[in-house]
Amino acid sequence: MVARIYDLSSSWTFPNTQQEVWDVIADADMSWPDWWPGCTFAKPLVRAPYASDASDAEILTATTAGLNFKATLGYTLKVSYRPTHVDSPNEITFDAGGDLHGDGRVMLRPLPHGGTQMKIEWRVRPTSLWMAFLSPVAAPAFTYAHRVLMRRGEEGLRQHLARQDKGNRK
């Protein structure tokens, strides 16, 4: 049985500059577990060899992160995230593996009144047998769990950026 493909998108806005948001989400050390509730490292980062004078983008594309995401419905997804293209500070495209296989991208753009909009697009297929089996009937529940997880990520990033702002003002 082949599981359905999920086209998932989110849009987050922050009062911070595009560069400030980029510096956190495109961190080569993948600091996401520091600010995203329910996100933990599944294993240490894996980094392919890169030149000693590599740019931040080259280091990022040499990095694969294995992350766990705890869903509100009680299950945990193990997802690997490997950036494939980096256009700093505008866009990251990536491949996903593990319990979700597919690809996605994160796009940042400045807002006219200030601040930054971040759009996240995922096109993934569940690979775990139980999710593939349940997809025909559980798709609304899986989509709901994704929305809640993304809202937690947005709020966590918003709080993280606010703490950084306060630290920079001292």
N, C-alpha and C. Protein backbone atom coordinates (compact mmCIF):
# COMPACT_ATOMS: atom_id res chain seq x y z
N MET A 1 0.84 -1.19 0.00
CA MET A 1 0.00 0.00 0.00
C MET A 1 0.88 1.25 0.00
N VAL A 2 0.61 2.14 -0.90
CA VAL A 2 1.34 3.41 -0.98
C VAL A 2 0.50 4.47 -0.29
N ALA A 3 1.10 5.13 0.67
CA ALA A 3 0.38 6.17 1.42
C ALA A 3 0.18 7.41 0.55
N ARG A 4 -0.82 8.14 0.90
CA ARG A 4 -1.10 9.38 0.18
C ARG A 4 0.01 10.39 0.39
N ILE A 5 0.08 11.33 -0.52
CA ILE A 5 1.01 12.45 -0.39
C ILE A 5 0.28 13.59 0.32
N TYR A 6 0.97 14.19 1.27
CA TYR A 6 0.43 15.33 1.99
C TYR A 6 1.13 16.59 1.49
N ASP A 7 0.36 17.55 1.04
CA ASP A 7 0.87 18.88 0.70
C ASP A 7 0.51 19.78 1.87
N LEU A 8 1.51 20.14 2.64
CA LEU A 8 1.30 20.89 3.88
C LEU A 8 1.99 22.24 3.77
N SER A 9 1.32 23.28 4.20
CA SER A 9 1.94 24.60 4.16
C SER A 9 1.58 25.38 5.41
N SER A 10 2.49 26.24 5.79
CA SER A 10 2.30 27.11 6.95
C SER A 10 2.86 28.47 6.59
N SER A 11 2.33 29.48 7.24
CA SER A 11 2.85 30.83 7.08
C SER A 11 2.99 31.44 8.46
N TRP A 12 4.20 31.85 8.78
CA TRP A 12 4.50 32.45 10.08
C TRP A 12 4.95 33.89 9.85
N THR A 13 4.61 34.77 10.76
CA THR A 13 5.11 36.15 10.67
C THR A 13 5.77 36.53 11.99
N PHE A 14 6.81 37.34 11.87
CA PHE A 14 7.59 37.77 13.03
C PHE A 14 7.88 39.26 12.90
N PRO A 15 8.00 39.96 14.03
CA PRO A 15 8.35 41.37 13.96
C PRO A 15 9.84 41.59 13.66
N ASN A 16 10.62 40.52 13.67
CA ASN A 16 12.07 40.60 13.48
C ASN A 16 12.43 40.77 12.02
N THR A 17 13.68 41.16 11.80
CA THR A 17 14.18 41.30 10.44
C THR A 17 14.34 39.92 9.80
N GLN A 18 14.39 39.92 8.49
CA GLN A 18 14.60 38.68 7.75
C GLN A 18 15.91 38.01 8.17
N GLN A 19 16.95 38.78 8.34
CA GLN A 19 18.26 38.23 8.72
C GLN A 19 18.21 37.60 10.11
N GLU A 20 17.50 38.24 11.05
CA GLU A 20 17.39 37.69 12.40
C GLU A 20 16.69 36.34 12.38
N VAL A 21 15.62 36.23 11.61
CA VAL A 21 14.89 34.95 11.50
C VAL A 21 15.78 33.92 10.81
N TRP A 22 16.42 34.33 9.72
CA TRP A 22 17.30 33.43 8.97
C TRP A 22 18.41 32.85 9.86
N ASP A 23 19.02 33.70 10.66
CA ASP A 23 20.13 33.26 11.50
C ASP A 23 19.72 32.13 12.44
N VAL A 24 18.48 32.09 12.84
CA VAL A 24 18.01 31.02 13.73
C VAL A 24 17.59 29.79 12.93
N ILE A 25 16.81 29.95 11.89
CA ILE A 25 16.31 28.76 11.18
C ILE A 25 17.35 28.10 10.30
N ALA A 26 18.36 28.84 9.88
CA ALA A 26 19.39 28.29 8.99
C ALA A 26 20.70 28.04 9.74
N ASP A 27 20.61 27.88 11.03
CA ASP A 27 21.77 27.59 11.86
C ASP A 27 22.31 26.20 11.51
N ALA A 28 23.56 26.11 11.12
CA ALA A 28 24.15 24.82 10.72
C ALA A 28 24.20 23.82 11.86
N ASP A 29 24.09 24.28 13.10
CA ASP A 29 24.05 23.37 14.24
C ASP A 29 22.62 22.93 14.58
N MET A 30 21.68 23.36 13.75
CA MET A 30 20.27 22.96 13.89
C MET A 30 19.76 23.15 15.32
N SER A 31 19.69 24.38 15.73
CA SER A 31 19.26 24.70 17.09
C SER A 31 17.75 24.55 17.30
N TRP A 32 17.05 24.00 16.34
CA TRP A 32 15.60 23.90 16.46
C TRP A 32 15.12 23.32 17.79
N PRO A 33 15.73 22.24 18.31
CA PRO A 33 15.25 21.72 19.60
C PRO A 33 15.36 22.72 20.75
N ASP A 34 16.18 23.75 20.60
CA ASP A 34 16.29 24.77 21.63
C ASP A 34 15.03 25.62 21.74
N TRP A 35 14.30 25.76 20.65
CA TRP A 35 13.15 26.66 20.68
C TRP A 35 11.83 26.02 20.22
N TRP A 36 11.85 24.82 19.63
CA TRP A 36 10.63 24.22 19.12
C TRP A 36 10.12 23.19 20.11
N PRO A 37 9.04 23.47 20.83
CA PRO A 37 8.50 22.49 21.78
C PRO A 37 8.12 21.19 21.06
N GLY A 38 8.52 20.08 21.64
CA GLY A 38 8.22 18.78 21.05
C GLY A 38 9.23 18.32 20.02
N CYS A 39 10.27 19.11 19.78
CA CYS A 39 11.33 18.75 18.82
C CYS A 39 12.59 18.41 19.60
N THR A 40 13.15 17.23 19.32
CA THR A 40 14.40 16.81 19.93
C THR A 40 15.28 16.17 18.86
N PHE A 41 16.56 16.06 19.16
CA PHE A 41 17.45 15.36 18.24
C PHE A 41 17.22 13.86 18.37
N ALA A 42 17.04 13.18 17.26
CA ALA A 42 16.93 11.72 17.25
C ALA A 42 18.31 11.09 17.31
N LYS A 43 19.28 11.81 16.77
CA LYS A 43 20.67 11.36 16.75
C LYS A 43 21.54 12.57 16.49
N PRO A 44 22.85 12.44 16.66
CA PRO A 44 23.74 13.58 16.39
C PRO A 44 23.68 13.98 14.91
N LEU A 45 24.00 15.25 14.65
CA LEU A 45 24.06 15.74 13.28
C LEU A 45 25.08 14.92 12.48
N VAL A 46 24.78 14.72 11.21
CA VAL A 46 25.72 14.06 10.30
C VAL A 46 26.17 15.12 9.31
N ARG A 47 27.48 15.24 9.15
CA ARG A 47 28.00 16.27 8.27
C ARG A 47 28.95 15.64 7.27
N ALA A 48 28.64 15.81 5.99
CA ALA A 48 29.53 15.36 4.92
C ALA A 48 30.78 16.25 4.92
N PRO A 49 31.88 15.75 4.41
CA PRO A 49 33.09 16.60 4.36
C PRO A 49 32.83 17.88 3.56
N TYR A 50 33.46 18.94 4.01
CA TYR A 50 33.37 20.22 3.29
C TYR A 50 34.71 20.93 3.45
N ALA A 51 34.96 21.86 2.57
CA ALA A 51 36.24 22.59 2.56
C ALA A 51 36.39 23.46 3.80
N SER A 52 37.60 23.68 4.21
CA SER A 52 37.85 24.51 5.40
C SER A 52 37.38 25.95 5.21
N ASP A 53 37.33 26.40 3.97
CA ASP A 53 36.86 27.75 3.70
C ASP A 53 35.40 27.76 3.21
N ALA A 54 34.64 26.72 3.55
CA ALA A 54 33.24 26.60 3.10
C ALA A 54 32.39 27.74 3.66
N SER A 55 31.43 28.15 2.86
CA SER A 55 30.47 29.18 3.29
C SER A 55 29.46 28.54 4.25
N ASP A 56 28.69 29.39 4.92
CA ASP A 56 27.63 28.89 5.80
C ASP A 56 26.65 28.02 5.01
N ALA A 57 26.34 28.42 3.78
CA ALA A 57 25.41 27.65 2.94
C ALA A 57 25.99 26.28 2.61
N GLU A 58 27.29 26.23 2.32
CA GLU A 58 27.92 24.93 2.02
C GLU A 58 27.94 24.02 3.24
N ILE A 59 28.17 24.59 4.41
CA ILE A 59 28.15 23.79 5.63
C ILE A 59 26.73 23.28 5.88
N LEU A 60 25.75 24.15 5.68
CA LEU A 60 24.36 23.75 5.89
C LEU A 60 23.96 22.62 4.95
N THR A 61 24.33 22.70 3.68
CA THR A 61 23.95 21.64 2.74
C THR A 61 24.76 20.36 2.96
N ALA A 62 25.82 20.43 3.75
CA ALA A 62 26.58 19.22 4.10
C ALA A 62 26.01 18.55 5.36
N THR A 63 24.98 19.15 5.94
CA THR A 63 24.46 18.71 7.23
C THR A 63 23.13 17.99 7.07
N THR A 64 23.00 16.86 7.77
CA THR A 64 21.72 16.16 7.88
C THR A 64 21.37 16.07 9.36
N ALA A 65 20.15 16.50 9.68
CA ALA A 65 19.68 16.44 11.07
C ALA A 65 18.61 15.38 11.18
N GLY A 66 18.74 14.53 12.17
CA GLY A 66 17.68 13.57 12.51
C GLY A 66 16.92 14.13 13.70
N LEU A 67 15.65 14.44 13.49
CA LEU A 67 14.84 15.09 14.52
C LEU A 67 13.62 14.25 14.88
N ASN A 68 13.21 14.33 16.13
CA ASN A 68 11.95 13.74 16.59
C ASN A 68 10.96 14.88 16.78
N PHE A 69 9.74 14.67 16.30
CA PHE A 69 8.67 15.64 16.53
C PHE A 69 7.53 14.92 17.22
N LYS A 70 7.22 15.36 18.43
CA LYS A 70 6.14 14.76 19.22
C LYS A 70 4.82 15.42 18.83
N ALA A 71 3.92 14.64 18.27
CA ALA A 71 2.62 15.16 17.84
C ALA A 71 1.65 15.20 19.02
N THR A 72 0.68 16.08 18.95
CA THR A 72 -0.31 16.20 20.03
C THR A 72 -1.17 14.94 20.15
N LEU A 73 -1.22 14.13 19.12
CA LEU A 73 -2.02 12.91 19.16
C LEU A 73 -1.27 11.75 19.81
N GLY A 74 -0.05 12.01 20.31
CA GLY A 74 0.67 11.01 21.08
C GLY A 74 1.77 10.26 20.36
N TYR A 75 1.86 10.38 19.07
CA TYR A 75 2.92 9.67 18.35
C TYR A 75 4.11 10.61 18.13
N THR A 76 5.26 10.01 17.85
CA THR A 76 6.48 10.77 17.56
C THR A 76 6.94 10.43 16.15
N LEU A 77 7.22 11.44 15.36
CA LEU A 77 7.76 11.25 14.02
C LEU A 77 9.26 11.46 14.06
N LYS A 78 9.99 10.54 13.46
CA LYS A 78 11.44 10.69 13.29
C LYS A 78 11.65 11.13 11.85
N VAL A 79 12.19 12.33 11.70
CA VAL A 79 12.34 12.91 10.37
C VAL A 79 13.79 13.37 10.18
N SER A 80 14.37 13.00 9.05
CA SER A 80 15.68 13.54 8.72
C SER A 80 15.46 14.73 7.79
N TYR A 81 16.27 15.73 7.98
CA TYR A 81 16.15 17.00 7.26
C TYR A 81 17.52 17.28 6.66
N ARG A 82 17.58 17.31 5.31
CA ARG A 82 18.86 17.57 4.64
C ARG A 82 18.67 18.69 3.64
N PRO A 83 19.22 19.87 3.95
CA PRO A 83 19.12 20.97 2.99
C PRO A 83 19.80 20.61 1.67
N THR A 84 19.15 20.98 0.57
CA THR A 84 19.70 20.69 -0.77
C THR A 84 20.10 21.96 -1.51
N HIS A 85 19.50 23.08 -1.12
CA HIS A 85 19.82 24.35 -1.76
C HIS A 85 19.59 25.46 -0.73
N VAL A 86 20.53 26.39 -0.67
CA VAL A 86 20.43 27.50 0.27
C VAL A 86 20.65 28.80 -0.49
N ASP A 87 19.69 29.70 -0.41
CA ASP A 87 19.79 31.04 -0.97
C ASP A 87 19.63 32.01 0.20
N SER A 88 20.74 32.32 0.86
CA SER A 88 20.72 33.13 2.08
C SER A 88 20.38 34.59 1.75
N PRO A 89 19.53 35.21 2.49
CA PRO A 89 18.68 34.80 3.60
C PRO A 89 17.23 34.59 3.15
N ASN A 90 17.06 34.00 1.98
CA ASN A 90 15.72 33.93 1.39
C ASN A 90 15.05 32.56 1.40
N GLU A 91 15.81 31.51 1.13
CA GLU A 91 15.14 30.22 0.92
C GLU A 91 16.08 29.05 1.20
N ILE A 92 15.50 28.00 1.75
CA ILE A 92 16.16 26.71 1.92
C ILE A 92 15.23 25.66 1.33
N THR A 93 15.75 24.83 0.45
CA THR A 93 15.00 23.64 0.02
C THR A 93 15.65 22.45 0.68
N PHE A 94 14.86 21.41 0.92
CA PHE A 94 15.39 20.27 1.66
C PHE A 94 14.68 18.99 1.27
N ASP A 95 15.38 17.89 1.53
CA ASP A 95 14.82 16.55 1.41
C ASP A 95 14.47 16.08 2.80
N ALA A 96 13.38 15.33 2.91
CA ALA A 96 12.97 14.74 4.18
C ALA A 96 13.01 13.23 4.05
N GLY A 97 13.41 12.58 5.10
CA GLY A 97 13.43 11.13 5.15
C GLY A 97 12.96 10.66 6.51
N GLY A 98 12.99 9.37 6.73
CA GLY A 98 12.53 8.81 7.98
C GLY A 98 11.05 8.48 7.88
N ASP A 99 10.28 8.88 8.89
CA ASP A 99 8.84 8.58 8.90
C ASP A 99 8.06 9.37 7.86
N LEU A 100 8.66 10.44 7.35
CA LEU A 100 8.06 11.23 6.26
C LEU A 100 9.10 11.36 5.16
N HIS A 101 8.73 10.96 3.97
CA HIS A 101 9.67 11.03 2.84
C HIS A 101 9.14 12.05 1.83
N GLY A 102 10.01 12.96 1.41
CA GLY A 102 9.60 13.94 0.42
C GLY A 102 10.53 15.12 0.42
N ASP A 103 9.96 16.29 0.17
CA ASP A 103 10.79 17.48 0.12
C ASP A 103 10.00 18.69 0.57
N GLY A 104 10.70 19.78 0.69
CA GLY A 104 10.04 21.00 1.13
C GLY A 104 10.93 22.20 0.95
N ARG A 105 10.39 23.32 1.37
CA ARG A 105 11.18 24.54 1.33
C ARG A 105 10.65 25.53 2.35
N VAL A 106 11.56 26.37 2.77
CA VAL A 106 11.25 27.47 3.69
C VAL A 106 11.65 28.74 2.98
N MET A 107 10.73 29.69 2.89
CA MET A 107 10.99 30.96 2.21
C MET A 107 10.75 32.12 3.17
N LEU A 108 11.67 33.05 3.18
CA LEU A 108 11.54 34.25 3.99
C LEU A 108 11.43 35.46 3.09
N ARG A 109 10.61 36.41 3.50
CA ARG A 109 10.55 37.68 2.77
C ARG A 109 10.18 38.78 3.75
N PRO A 110 10.76 39.97 3.54
CA PRO A 110 10.41 41.09 4.42
C PRO A 110 9.00 41.56 4.13
N LEU A 111 8.32 41.99 5.17
CA LEU A 111 6.97 42.53 5.02
C LEU A 111 7.05 44.04 4.82
N PRO A 112 6.12 44.63 4.08
CA PRO A 112 6.18 46.07 3.79
C PRO A 112 6.19 46.96 5.03
N HIS A 113 5.49 46.55 6.08
CA HIS A 113 5.42 47.36 7.30
C HIS A 113 6.51 47.00 8.30
N GLY A 114 7.42 46.15 7.92
CA GLY A 114 8.47 45.66 8.81
C GLY A 114 8.16 44.24 9.24
N GLY A 115 9.15 43.57 9.69
CA GLY A 115 8.97 42.19 10.09
C GLY A 115 9.23 41.25 8.92
N THR A 116 8.97 39.98 9.16
CA THR A 116 9.30 38.94 8.19
C THR A 116 8.19 37.91 8.12
N GLN A 117 7.92 37.48 6.91
CA GLN A 117 7.00 36.36 6.70
C GLN A 117 7.83 35.14 6.33
N MET A 118 7.49 34.01 6.96
CA MET A 118 8.15 32.75 6.65
C MET A 118 7.08 31.79 6.15
N LYS A 119 7.28 31.27 4.96
CA LYS A 119 6.37 30.27 4.39
C LYS A 119 7.10 28.94 4.37
N ILE A 120 6.40 27.92 4.81
CA ILE A 120 6.95 26.58 4.87
C ILE A 120 6.06 25.67 4.04
N GLU A 121 6.66 24.95 3.12
CA GLU A 121 5.91 24.01 2.28
C GLU A 121 6.54 22.63 2.41
N TRP A 122 5.72 21.64 2.63
CA TRP A 122 6.14 20.24 2.71
C TRP A 122 5.33 19.44 1.71
N ARG A 123 5.96 18.55 1.03
CA ARG A 123 5.27 17.57 0.19
C ARG A 123 5.85 16.22 0.59
N VAL A 124 5.13 15.50 1.46
CA VAL A 124 5.67 14.29 2.06
C VAL A 124 4.66 13.15 2.01
N ARG A 125 5.22 11.97 2.12
CA ARG A 125 4.44 10.74 2.19
C ARG A 125 4.90 9.99 3.44
N PRO A 126 3.96 9.55 4.29
CA PRO A 126 4.39 8.78 5.45
C PRO A 126 4.97 7.43 5.02
N THR A 127 6.04 7.02 5.68
CA THR A 127 6.68 5.74 5.35
C THR A 127 6.41 4.67 6.39
N SER A 128 6.01 5.06 7.58
CA SER A 128 5.72 4.04 8.59
C SER A 128 4.45 3.30 8.19
N LEU A 129 4.44 2.00 8.41
CA LEU A 129 3.31 1.17 7.98
C LEU A 129 2.00 1.60 8.61
N TRP A 130 2.03 1.93 9.89
CA TRP A 130 0.77 2.29 10.55
C TRP A 130 0.19 3.58 9.98
N MET A 131 1.06 4.56 9.67
CA MET A 131 0.55 5.82 9.10
C MET A 131 0.06 5.60 7.67
N ALA A 132 0.79 4.81 6.90
CA ALA A 132 0.38 4.53 5.52
C ALA A 132 -0.97 3.81 5.52
N PHE A 133 -1.13 2.87 6.43
CA PHE A 133 -2.37 2.10 6.52
C PHE A 133 -3.55 2.99 6.92
N LEU A 134 -3.31 3.88 7.88
CA LEU A 134 -4.39 4.73 8.39
C LEU A 134 -4.64 5.99 7.56
N SER A 135 -3.72 6.34 6.66
CA SER A 135 -3.85 7.58 5.90
C SER A 135 -5.21 7.79 5.24
N PRO A 136 -5.80 6.77 4.63
CA PRO A 136 -7.09 7.02 3.97
C PRO A 136 -8.18 7.55 4.91
N VAL A 137 -8.16 7.12 6.18
CA VAL A 137 -9.20 7.57 7.10
C VAL A 137 -8.68 8.59 8.12
N ALA A 138 -7.38 8.58 8.38
CA ALA A 138 -6.83 9.45 9.43
C ALA A 138 -6.19 10.72 8.88
N ALA A 139 -6.26 10.95 7.58
CA ALA A 139 -5.63 12.14 7.00
C ALA A 139 -6.05 13.43 7.71
N PRO A 140 -7.34 13.63 8.03
CA PRO A 140 -7.70 14.86 8.74
C PRO A 140 -7.02 14.97 10.11
N ALA A 141 -6.89 13.87 10.82
CA ALA A 141 -6.23 13.90 12.13
C ALA A 141 -4.74 14.19 11.98
N PHE A 142 -4.09 13.59 10.97
CA PHE A 142 -2.67 13.84 10.74
C PHE A 142 -2.44 15.30 10.34
N THR A 143 -3.33 15.84 9.52
CA THR A 143 -3.21 17.23 9.09
C THR A 143 -3.42 18.17 10.29
N TYR A 144 -4.37 17.84 11.13
CA TYR A 144 -4.60 18.62 12.35
C TYR A 144 -3.36 18.59 13.24
N ALA A 145 -2.78 17.41 13.46
CA ALA A 145 -1.59 17.28 14.30
C ALA A 145 -0.44 18.10 13.72
N HIS A 146 -0.32 18.13 12.39
CA HIS A 146 0.71 18.93 11.75
C HIS A 146 0.49 20.42 12.04
N ARG A 147 -0.74 20.90 11.90
CA ARG A 147 -1.02 22.31 12.17
C ARG A 147 -0.67 22.70 13.60
N VAL A 148 -1.02 21.84 14.56
CA VAL A 148 -0.72 22.12 15.97
C VAL A 148 0.79 22.13 16.19
N LEU A 149 1.48 21.17 15.63
CA LEU A 149 2.94 21.11 15.75
C LEU A 149 3.59 22.36 15.17
N MET A 150 3.11 22.80 14.03
CA MET A 150 3.67 23.99 13.40
C MET A 150 3.35 25.25 14.21
N ARG A 151 2.17 25.32 14.80
CA ARG A 151 1.85 26.48 15.65
C ARG A 151 2.79 26.52 16.86
N ARG A 152 3.09 25.35 17.42
CA ARG A 152 4.03 25.31 18.55
C ARG A 152 5.41 25.78 18.09
N GLY A 153 5.82 25.38 16.90
CA GLY A 153 7.10 25.83 16.36
C GLY A 153 7.13 27.33 16.16
N GLU A 154 6.05 27.86 15.59
CA GLU A 154 5.98 29.32 15.37
C GLU A 154 6.06 30.07 16.70
N GLU A 155 5.30 29.63 17.69
CA GLU A 155 5.31 30.31 18.97
C GLU A 155 6.68 30.18 19.65
N GLY A 156 7.28 29.00 19.56
CA GLY A 156 8.61 28.81 20.14
C GLY A 156 9.65 29.70 19.50
N LEU A 157 9.60 29.83 18.17
CA LEU A 157 10.54 30.70 17.48
C LEU A 157 10.28 32.16 17.82
N ARG A 158 9.02 32.53 17.93
CA ARG A 158 8.68 33.91 18.29
C ARG A 158 9.26 34.25 19.67
N GLN A 159 9.10 33.35 20.63
CA GLN A 159 9.63 33.58 21.98
C GLN A 159 11.17 33.61 21.97
N HIS A 160 11.77 32.72 21.21
CA HIS A 160 13.23 32.68 21.10
C HIS A 160 13.77 34.00 20.53
N LEU A 161 13.14 34.48 19.46
CA LEU A 161 13.57 35.74 18.86
C LEU A 161 13.37 36.91 19.82
N ALA A 162 12.28 36.89 20.59
CA ALA A 162 12.03 37.96 21.56
C ALA A 162 13.10 37.95 22.65
N ARG A 163 13.51 36.75 23.11
CA ARG A 163 14.57 36.67 24.12
C ARG A 163 15.89 37.22 23.56
N GLN A 164 16.16 36.91 22.29
CA GLN A 164 17.37 37.44 21.66
C GLN A 164 17.32 38.96 21.58
N ASP A 165 16.14 39.50 21.23
CA ASP A 165 15.99 40.96 21.16
C ASP A 165 16.27 41.60 22.51
N LYS A 166 15.73 41.01 23.58
CA LYS A 166 15.94 41.56 24.92
C LYS A 166 17.42 41.49 25.29
N GLY A 167 18.06 40.40 24.94
CA GLY A 167 19.49 40.24 25.23
C GLY A 167 20.35 41.23 24.49
N ASN A 168 19.95 41.58 23.27
CA ASN A 168 20.71 42.53 22.46
C ASN A 168 20.53 43.97 22.94
N ARG A 169 19.44 44.25 23.63
CA ARG A 169 19.16 45.62 24.09
C ARG A 169 19.86 45.96 25.40
N LYS A 170 20.37 44.96 26.09
CA LYS A 170 21.01 45.21 27.39
C LYS A 170 22.38 45.81 27.21
